[in-house]
Amino acid sequence: MKKLLNSLAAIAMAASLTACSSKSSAYSGTTKGTAKGMGDVTVTLTLKDGKITECSVDGAGETEGIGTNAIDQLPGEIVKENKISVDGVTGATITSDAIKDAAKAALEAAGLNASDYE
């Protein structure tokens, strides 16, 4: 009886993990999220079969030469790494964090589990 219960518990856990990850891996589309940096920072993510294929950032209120460095660098890293928990840009912590927070908001707006991309 104990083996049966352990087997059922293992099956239930595997099914719940599959259900959590399958939605992210099946998602294709474009989604946006916004977070606060020095101003509003908006991230647009495009995903195909759950993989981040494009990332763009609009942060018109970010400091030229500081925050704009993060805007220039982080989108490529997010696509390359297929995750939002990339390293920030030194000296541009506020903008870097805003980009990552906006990317998380974009994933959540699409109904995805952002932790799948950390």
C-alpha atoms as a PDB file:
ATOM      1  CA  MET A   1       0.000   0.000   0.000  1.00  0.00           C
ATOM      2  CA  LYS A   2       2.861   2.379   0.830  1.00  0.00           C
ATOM      3  CA  LYS A   3       4.456   1.786  -2.597  1.00  0.00           C
ATOM      4  CA  LEU A   4       1.135   2.530  -4.279  1.00  0.00           C
ATOM      5  CA  LEU A   5       0.750   5.812  -2.387  1.00  0.00           C
ATOM      6  CA  ASN A   6       4.335   6.822  -3.185  1.00  0.00           C
ATOM      7  CA  SER A   7       3.780   5.994  -6.858  1.00  0.00           C
ATOM      8  CA  LEU A   8       0.563   8.010  -6.968  1.00  0.00           C
ATOM      9  CA  ALA A   9       2.270  10.951  -5.275  1.00  0.00           C
ATOM     10  CA  ALA A  10       5.130  10.818  -7.783  1.00  0.00           C
ATOM     11  CA  ILE A  11       2.698  10.733 -10.708  1.00  0.00           C
ATOM     12  CA  ALA A  12       0.735  13.671  -9.301  1.00  0.00           C
ATOM     13  CA  MET A  13       3.910  15.744  -8.864  1.00  0.00           C
ATOM     14  CA  ALA A  14       5.117  14.936 -12.373  1.00  0.00           C
ATOM     15  CA  ALA A  15       1.745  15.876 -13.839  1.00  0.00           C
ATOM     16  CA  SER A  16       1.681  19.199 -11.998  1.00  0.00           C
ATOM     17  CA  LEU A  17       5.229  20.052 -13.139  1.00  0.00           C
ATOM     18  CA  THR A  18       4.354  19.182 -16.720  1.00  0.00           C
ATOM     19  CA  ALA A  19       1.228  21.332 -16.557  1.00  0.00           C
ATOM     20  CA  CYS A  20       3.233  24.297 -15.239  1.00  0.00           C
ATOM     21  CA  SER A  21       5.954  24.130 -17.858  1.00  0.00           C
ATOM     22  CA  SER A  22       3.849  23.177 -20.855  1.00  0.00           C
ATOM     23  CA  LYS A  23       2.014  26.510 -21.005  1.00  0.00           C
ATOM     24  CA  SER A  24       5.280  28.449 -21.208  1.00  0.00           C
ATOM     25  CA  SER A  25       6.799  26.073 -23.750  1.00  0.00           C
ATOM     26  CA  ALA A  26       3.716  26.244 -25.967  1.00  0.00           C
ATOM     27  CA  TYR A  27       3.264  30.033 -25.976  1.00  0.00           C
ATOM     28  CA  SER A  28       3.833  31.985 -29.169  1.00  0.00           C
ATOM     29  CA  GLY A  29       3.053  35.673 -29.459  1.00  0.00           C
ATOM     30  CA  THR A  30       4.026  39.200 -28.456  1.00  0.00           C
ATOM     31  CA  THR A  31       3.449  40.699 -25.025  1.00  0.00           C
ATOM     32  CA  LYS A  32       4.300  43.948 -23.233  1.00  0.00           C
ATOM     33  CA  GLY A  33       5.040  44.952 -19.668  1.00  0.00           C
ATOM     34  CA  THR A  34       5.976  48.220 -17.976  1.00  0.00           C
ATOM     35  CA  ALA A  35       7.967  49.011 -14.844  1.00  0.00           C
ATOM     36  CA  LYS A  36       9.369  52.133 -13.221  1.00  0.00           C
ATOM     37  CA  GLY A  37      12.989  53.133 -13.829  1.00  0.00           C
ATOM     38  CA  MET A  38      13.929  56.794 -13.916  1.00  0.00           C
ATOM     39  CA  GLY A  39      10.721  56.993 -15.969  1.00  0.00           C
ATOM     40  CA  ASP A  40       8.453  54.319 -17.431  1.00  0.00           C
ATOM     41  CA  VAL A  41      10.285  51.420 -19.059  1.00  0.00           C
ATOM     42  CA  THR A  42       8.286  49.214 -21.421  1.00  0.00           C
ATOM     43  CA  VAL A  43       9.529  45.848 -22.613  1.00  0.00           C
ATOM     44  CA  THR A  44       8.034  44.055 -25.606  1.00  0.00           C
ATOM     45  CA  LEU A  45       8.790  40.337 -25.792  1.00  0.00           C
ATOM     46  CA  THR A  46       8.113  38.032 -28.707  1.00  0.00           C
ATOM     47  CA  LEU A  47       8.079  34.318 -27.968  1.00  0.00           C
ATOM     48  CA  LYS A  48       7.868  31.330 -30.281  1.00  0.00           C
ATOM     49  CA  ASP A  49       7.097  27.946 -28.732  1.00  0.00           C
ATOM     50  CA  GLY A  50       8.012  29.402 -25.332  1.00  0.00           C
ATOM     51  CA  LYS A  51      11.413  30.723 -26.428  1.00  0.00           C
ATOM     52  CA  ILE A  52      12.136  34.457 -26.296  1.00  0.00           C
ATOM     53  CA  THR A  53      12.988  35.387 -29.881  1.00  0.00           C
ATOM     54  CA  GLU A  54      12.810  39.190 -29.688  1.00  0.00           C
ATOM     55  CA  CYS A  55      13.066  41.794 -26.959  1.00  0.00           C
ATOM     56  CA  SER A  56      12.791  45.543 -27.320  1.00  0.00           C
ATOM     57  CA  VAL A  57      12.850  48.262 -24.678  1.00  0.00           C
ATOM     58  CA  ASP A  58      11.362  51.741 -24.704  1.00  0.00           C
ATOM     59  CA  GLY A  59      12.663  53.946 -21.933  1.00  0.00           C
ATOM     60  CA  ALA A  60      12.536  57.511 -23.146  1.00  0.00           C
ATOM     61  CA  GLY A  61      12.956  58.886 -19.612  1.00  0.00           C
ATOM     62  CA  GLU A  62      16.162  57.007 -18.834  1.00  0.00           C
ATOM     63  CA  THR A  63      19.438  58.867 -18.392  1.00  0.00           C
ATOM     64  CA  GLU A  64      21.440  59.256 -21.598  1.00  0.00           C
ATOM     65  CA  GLY A  65      24.767  57.442 -21.420  1.00  0.00           C
ATOM     66  CA  ILE A  66      23.804  55.516 -18.285  1.00  0.00           C
ATOM     67  CA  GLY A  67      20.326  54.019 -18.438  1.00  0.00           C
ATOM     68  CA  THR A  68      20.483  53.984 -22.206  1.00  0.00           C
ATOM     69  CA  ASN A  69      23.447  51.589 -21.945  1.00  0.00           C
ATOM     70  CA  ALA A  70      21.156  49.072 -20.259  1.00  0.00           C
ATOM     71  CA  ILE A  71      18.488  49.675 -22.909  1.00  0.00           C
ATOM     72  CA  ASP A  72      21.076  48.946 -25.601  1.00  0.00           C
ATOM     73  CA  GLN A  73      22.600  45.847 -23.960  1.00  0.00           C
ATOM     74  CA  LEU A  74      19.987  43.923 -21.983  1.00  0.00           C
ATOM     75  CA  PRO A  75      17.495  43.048 -24.736  1.00  0.00           C
ATOM     76  CA  GLY A  76      20.172  41.080 -26.612  1.00  0.00           C
ATOM     77  CA  GLU A  77      21.171  39.256 -23.444  1.00  0.00           C
ATOM     78  CA  ILE A  78      17.552  38.374 -22.638  1.00  0.00           C
ATOM     79  CA  VAL A  79      17.122  36.833 -26.107  1.00  0.00           C
ATOM     80  CA  LYS A  80      20.532  35.124 -26.071  1.00  0.00           C
ATOM     81  CA  GLU A  81      20.009  33.592 -22.622  1.00  0.00           C
ATOM     82  CA  ASN A  82      16.230  33.050 -23.045  1.00  0.00           C
ATOM     83  CA  LYS A  83      15.755  34.386 -19.536  1.00  0.00           C
ATOM     84  CA  ILE A  84      14.970  37.636 -17.771  1.00  0.00           C
ATOM     85  CA  SER A  85      17.412  37.221 -14.890  1.00  0.00           C
ATOM     86  CA  VAL A  86      20.406  38.468 -16.852  1.00  0.00           C
ATOM     87  CA  ASP A  87      23.202  40.523 -15.313  1.00  0.00           C
ATOM     88  CA  GLY A  88      22.483  44.235 -15.103  1.00  0.00           C
ATOM     89  CA  VAL A  89      24.693  46.952 -16.520  1.00  0.00           C
ATOM     90  CA  THR A  90      27.164  48.465 -14.057  1.00  0.00           C
ATOM     91  CA  GLY A  91      26.167  52.018 -13.200  1.00  0.00           C
ATOM     92  CA  ALA A  92      22.655  51.538 -14.592  1.00  0.00           C
ATOM     93  CA  THR A  93      21.093  49.507 -11.805  1.00  0.00           C
ATOM     94  CA  ILE A  94      17.753  51.326 -11.758  1.00  0.00           C
ATOM     95  CA  THR A  95      17.203  50.944 -15.496  1.00  0.00           C
ATOM     96  CA  SER A  96      18.540  47.368 -15.519  1.00  0.00           C
ATOM     97  CA  ASP A  97      16.137  46.368 -12.743  1.00  0.00           C
ATOM     98  CA  ALA A  98      13.266  48.159 -14.487  1.00  0.00           C
ATOM     99  CA  ILE A  99      13.934  46.244 -17.709  1.00  0.00           C
ATOM    100  CA  LYS A 100      13.923  42.916 -15.873  1.00  0.00           C
ATOM    101  CA  ASP A 101      10.779  43.867 -13.921  1.00  0.00           C
ATOM    102  CA  ALA A 102       9.020  44.973 -17.116  1.00  0.00           C
ATOM    103  CA  ALA A 103      10.015  41.718 -18.833  1.00  0.00           C
ATOM    104  CA  LYS A 104       8.552  39.806 -15.892  1.00  0.00           C
ATOM    105  CA  ALA A 105       5.352  41.852 -16.159  1.00  0.00           C
ATOM    106  CA  ALA A 106       5.201  41.092 -19.892  1.00  0.00           C
ATOM    107  CA  LEU A 107       5.451  37.355 -19.273  1.00  0.00           C
ATOM    108  CA  GLU A 108       2.787  37.523 -16.571  1.00  0.00           C
ATOM    109  CA  ALA A 109       0.518  39.601 -18.857  1.00  0.00           C
ATOM    110  CA  ALA A 110       0.652  36.690 -21.311  1.00  0.00           C
ATOM    111  CA  GLY A 111      -0.392  34.323 -18.522  1.00  0.00           C
ATOM    112  CA  LEU A 112       3.065  32.769 -18.300  1.00  0.00           C
ATOM    113  CA  ASN A 113       5.007  31.843 -15.198  1.00  0.00           C
ATOM    114  CA  ALA A 114       7.893  34.330 -15.088  1.00  0.00           C
ATOM    115  CA  SER A 115       9.925  31.975 -12.885  1.00  0.00           C
ATOM    116  CA  ASP A 116      10.217  29.686 -15.927  1.00  0.00           C
ATOM    117  CA  TYR A 117      12.459  32.407 -17.377  1.00  0.00           C
ATOM    118  CA  GLU A 118      14.686  33.127 -14.371  1.00  0.00           C
END
